[in-house]
Amino acid sequence: MRATDYAGIRQILTSDFDVPADRITPQSTLEDLGVDSLGVVELVDILGEQRGAPITDTTLRPTMTLEDFLSTALAGTAP
């Protein structure tokens, strides 16, 4: 996981999902941060827009850690 990717998702979670920054770690699950399955869809859309490439992976789940989520979501998208 690149630091810029982590910083980006951290910013999205704090600004768009109102997650306190001190709760966010690479090992946090989205579920632990209050992001449900609909939130995952929204998060994927935001990440895809920011990167300029749609994210089409359907295995993304709220039970994934941020580290795993980013690795899976961003595999195959443009940097």
N, C-alpha and C. Protein backbone atom coordinates (compact mmCIF):
# COMPACT_ATOMS: atom_id res chain seq x y z
N MET A 1 0.85 -1.18 0.00
CA MET A 1 0.00 0.00 0.00
C MET A 1 0.89 1.24 0.00
N ARG A 2 0.68 2.11 -0.95
CA ARG A 2 1.45 3.35 -1.02
C ARG A 2 0.91 4.37 -0.01
N ALA A 3 1.80 5.17 0.52
CA ALA A 3 1.42 6.18 1.51
C ALA A 3 0.40 7.15 0.94
N THR A 4 0.53 7.49 -0.35
CA THR A 4 -0.42 8.43 -0.95
C THR A 4 -1.82 7.82 -1.05
N ASP A 5 -1.89 6.53 -1.31
CA ASP A 5 -3.20 5.85 -1.35
C ASP A 5 -3.83 5.85 0.03
N TYR A 6 -3.03 5.55 1.06
CA TYR A 6 -3.53 5.52 2.43
C TYR A 6 -3.99 6.92 2.85
N ALA A 7 -3.20 7.93 2.53
CA ALA A 7 -3.58 9.30 2.88
C ALA A 7 -4.87 9.70 2.18
N GLY A 8 -5.02 9.26 0.95
CA GLY A 8 -6.24 9.57 0.19
C GLY A 8 -7.48 8.94 0.79
N ILE A 9 -7.40 7.67 1.14
CA ILE A 9 -8.58 7.01 1.70
C ILE A 9 -8.86 7.55 3.10
N ARG A 10 -7.82 7.90 3.82
CA ARG A 10 -7.98 8.51 5.14
C ARG A 10 -8.74 9.83 5.02
N GLN A 11 -8.37 10.64 4.03
CA GLN A 11 -9.05 11.91 3.79
C GLN A 11 -10.52 11.69 3.43
N ILE A 12 -10.79 10.72 2.57
CA ILE A 12 -12.17 10.42 2.18
C ILE A 12 -12.98 9.99 3.39
N LEU A 13 -12.41 9.11 4.20
CA LEU A 13 -13.14 8.60 5.36
C LEU A 13 -13.43 9.71 6.37
N THR A 14 -12.50 10.63 6.56
CA THR A 14 -12.75 11.71 7.52
C THR A 14 -13.72 12.75 6.97
N SER A 15 -13.58 13.10 5.70
CA SER A 15 -14.42 14.17 5.15
C SER A 15 -15.79 13.69 4.67
N ASP A 16 -15.84 12.55 4.01
CA ASP A 16 -17.12 12.09 3.44
C ASP A 16 -17.90 11.15 4.35
N PHE A 17 -17.20 10.47 5.25
CA PHE A 17 -17.86 9.49 6.11
C PHE A 17 -17.82 9.88 7.59
N ASP A 18 -17.24 11.05 7.89
CA ASP A 18 -17.17 11.57 9.26
C ASP A 18 -16.52 10.61 10.26
N VAL A 19 -15.52 9.88 9.79
CA VAL A 19 -14.78 8.97 10.68
C VAL A 19 -13.67 9.78 11.35
N PRO A 20 -13.58 9.73 12.67
CA PRO A 20 -12.47 10.44 13.35
C PRO A 20 -11.12 9.88 12.89
N ALA A 21 -10.20 10.78 12.57
CA ALA A 21 -8.90 10.39 12.03
C ALA A 21 -8.14 9.45 12.97
N ASP A 22 -8.31 9.62 14.26
CA ASP A 22 -7.55 8.79 15.20
C ASP A 22 -8.04 7.34 15.24
N ARG A 23 -9.17 7.04 14.62
CA ARG A 23 -9.67 5.67 14.56
C ARG A 23 -9.17 4.92 13.32
N ILE A 24 -8.58 5.64 12.39
CA ILE A 24 -8.21 5.05 11.10
C ILE A 24 -6.76 4.55 11.13
N THR A 25 -6.61 3.25 10.89
CA THR A 25 -5.29 2.64 10.76
C THR A 25 -5.35 1.68 9.57
N PRO A 26 -4.20 1.26 9.04
CA PRO A 26 -4.23 0.29 7.94
C PRO A 26 -4.91 -1.02 8.32
N GLN A 27 -4.93 -1.35 9.61
CA GLN A 27 -5.54 -2.60 10.06
C GLN A 27 -7.02 -2.45 10.44
N SER A 28 -7.54 -1.23 10.41
CA SER A 28 -8.97 -1.01 10.69
C SER A 28 -9.79 -1.64 9.57
N THR A 29 -10.89 -2.27 9.94
CA THR A 29 -11.81 -2.71 8.89
C THR A 29 -12.77 -1.57 8.61
N LEU A 30 -13.30 -1.56 7.42
CA LEU A 30 -14.29 -0.54 7.07
C LEU A 30 -15.49 -0.65 8.01
N GLU A 31 -15.85 -1.87 8.32
CA GLU A 31 -16.97 -2.12 9.23
C GLU A 31 -16.71 -1.48 10.60
N ASP A 32 -15.50 -1.64 11.11
CA ASP A 32 -15.13 -1.03 12.39
C ASP A 32 -15.25 0.50 12.35
N LEU A 33 -15.07 1.06 11.16
CA LEU A 33 -15.14 2.51 10.99
C LEU A 33 -16.54 2.99 10.65
N GLY A 34 -17.50 2.07 10.63
CA GLY A 34 -18.90 2.44 10.38
C GLY A 34 -19.28 2.49 8.92
N VAL A 35 -18.47 1.90 8.05
CA VAL A 35 -18.77 1.88 6.62
C VAL A 35 -19.42 0.54 6.28
N ASP A 36 -20.68 0.60 5.87
CA ASP A 36 -21.41 -0.62 5.52
C ASP A 36 -21.25 -0.91 4.02
N SER A 37 -21.99 -1.88 3.53
CA SER A 37 -21.83 -2.29 2.13
C SER A 37 -22.20 -1.16 1.16
N LEU A 38 -23.19 -0.36 1.48
CA LEU A 38 -23.51 0.78 0.62
C LEU A 38 -22.40 1.83 0.68
N GLY A 39 -21.81 1.99 1.84
CA GLY A 39 -20.67 2.89 1.99
C GLY A 39 -19.49 2.44 1.16
N VAL A 40 -19.29 1.12 1.07
CA VAL A 40 -18.20 0.58 0.25
C VAL A 40 -18.41 0.99 -1.21
N VAL A 41 -19.65 0.90 -1.68
CA VAL A 41 -19.96 1.30 -3.06
C VAL A 41 -19.62 2.78 -3.26
N GLU A 42 -20.01 3.61 -2.31
CA GLU A 42 -19.73 5.04 -2.40
C GLU A 42 -18.22 5.30 -2.35
N LEU A 43 -17.52 4.61 -1.47
CA LEU A 43 -16.08 4.75 -1.34
C LEU A 43 -15.38 4.35 -2.63
N VAL A 44 -15.80 3.26 -3.23
CA VAL A 44 -15.23 2.80 -4.49
C VAL A 44 -15.46 3.84 -5.59
N ASP A 45 -16.64 4.42 -5.63
CA ASP A 45 -16.93 5.46 -6.62
C ASP A 45 -16.02 6.68 -6.44
N ILE A 46 -15.86 7.11 -5.21
CA ILE A 46 -15.01 8.27 -4.93
C ILE A 46 -13.57 7.98 -5.31
N LEU A 47 -13.06 6.81 -4.90
CA LEU A 47 -11.68 6.44 -5.25
C LEU A 47 -11.48 6.37 -6.76
N GLY A 48 -12.44 5.78 -7.45
CA GLY A 48 -12.35 5.68 -8.91
C GLY A 48 -12.34 7.05 -9.58
N GLU A 49 -13.18 7.95 -9.09
CA GLU A 49 -13.20 9.31 -9.63
C GLU A 49 -11.87 10.02 -9.40
N GLN A 50 -11.33 9.89 -8.20
CA GLN A 50 -10.06 10.54 -7.89
C GLN A 50 -8.92 10.00 -8.73
N ARG A 51 -8.94 8.73 -9.02
CA ARG A 51 -7.85 8.11 -9.79
C ARG A 51 -8.08 8.18 -11.30
N GLY A 52 -9.29 8.56 -11.70
CA GLY A 52 -9.58 8.66 -13.11
C GLY A 52 -9.76 7.32 -13.79
N ALA A 53 -10.02 6.28 -12.99
CA ALA A 53 -10.22 4.93 -13.53
C ALA A 53 -11.26 4.23 -12.67
N PRO A 54 -12.29 3.67 -13.29
CA PRO A 54 -13.29 2.97 -12.49
C PRO A 54 -12.71 1.75 -11.78
N ILE A 55 -13.24 1.49 -10.62
CA ILE A 55 -12.85 0.30 -9.86
C ILE A 55 -14.01 -0.68 -9.98
N THR A 56 -13.74 -1.84 -10.54
CA THR A 56 -14.82 -2.77 -10.84
C THR A 56 -14.76 -4.06 -10.03
N ASP A 57 -13.86 -4.15 -9.08
CA ASP A 57 -13.73 -5.38 -8.29
C ASP A 57 -14.98 -5.57 -7.45
N THR A 58 -15.58 -6.74 -7.54
CA THR A 58 -16.80 -7.03 -6.79
C THR A 58 -16.54 -7.80 -5.51
N THR A 59 -15.27 -8.00 -5.15
CA THR A 59 -14.97 -8.74 -3.93
C THR A 59 -14.75 -7.81 -2.73
N LEU A 60 -14.92 -6.52 -2.92
CA LEU A 60 -14.70 -5.56 -1.84
C LEU A 60 -15.82 -5.65 -0.82
N ARG A 61 -15.45 -5.74 0.45
CA ARG A 61 -16.41 -5.93 1.53
C ARG A 61 -16.06 -5.03 2.72
N PRO A 62 -17.06 -4.69 3.54
CA PRO A 62 -16.80 -3.87 4.73
C PRO A 62 -15.92 -4.57 5.76
N THR A 63 -15.79 -5.88 5.68
CA THR A 63 -14.99 -6.62 6.65
C THR A 63 -13.50 -6.62 6.32
N MET A 64 -13.13 -6.02 5.19
CA MET A 64 -11.72 -5.95 4.79
C MET A 64 -11.01 -4.85 5.58
N THR A 65 -9.71 -5.07 5.85
CA THR A 65 -8.92 -3.99 6.44
C THR A 65 -8.68 -2.93 5.36
N LEU A 66 -8.35 -1.73 5.78
CA LEU A 66 -8.06 -0.68 4.80
C LEU A 66 -6.92 -1.09 3.88
N GLU A 67 -5.91 -1.74 4.46
CA GLU A 67 -4.77 -2.19 3.68
C GLU A 67 -5.21 -3.16 2.58
N ASP A 68 -6.01 -4.16 2.95
CA ASP A 68 -6.50 -5.14 1.97
C ASP A 68 -7.46 -4.50 0.97
N PHE A 69 -8.30 -3.61 1.46
CA PHE A 69 -9.26 -2.92 0.60
C PHE A 69 -8.51 -2.15 -0.49
N LEU A 70 -7.53 -1.35 -0.08
CA LEU A 70 -6.78 -0.56 -1.06
C LEU A 70 -6.01 -1.45 -2.04
N SER A 71 -5.37 -2.48 -1.53
CA SER A 71 -4.62 -3.39 -2.40
C SER A 71 -5.52 -4.01 -3.44
N THR A 72 -6.69 -4.44 -3.03
CA THR A 72 -7.63 -5.08 -3.94
C THR A 72 -8.28 -4.07 -4.88
N ALA A 73 -8.74 -2.96 -4.33
CA ALA A 73 -9.46 -1.97 -5.12
C ALA A 73 -8.58 -1.32 -6.18
N LEU A 74 -7.32 -1.07 -5.84
CA LEU A 74 -6.47 -0.33 -6.74
C LEU A 74 -5.64 -1.20 -7.67
N ALA A 75 -5.70 -2.49 -7.49
CA ALA A 75 -5.00 -3.40 -8.41
C ALA A 75 -5.64 -3.25 -9.80
N GLY A 76 -4.83 -2.92 -10.75
CA GLY A 76 -5.35 -2.82 -12.11
C GLY A 76 -5.88 -1.45 -12.49
N THR A 77 -5.84 -0.47 -11.57
CA THR A 77 -6.23 0.89 -11.96
C THR A 77 -4.97 1.70 -12.19
N ALA A 78 -5.11 2.77 -12.90
CA ALA A 78 -3.95 3.63 -13.18
C ALA A 78 -3.46 4.28 -11.90
N PRO A 79 -2.17 4.46 -11.74
CA PRO A 79 -1.64 5.09 -10.51
C PRO A 79 -2.04 6.55 -10.37
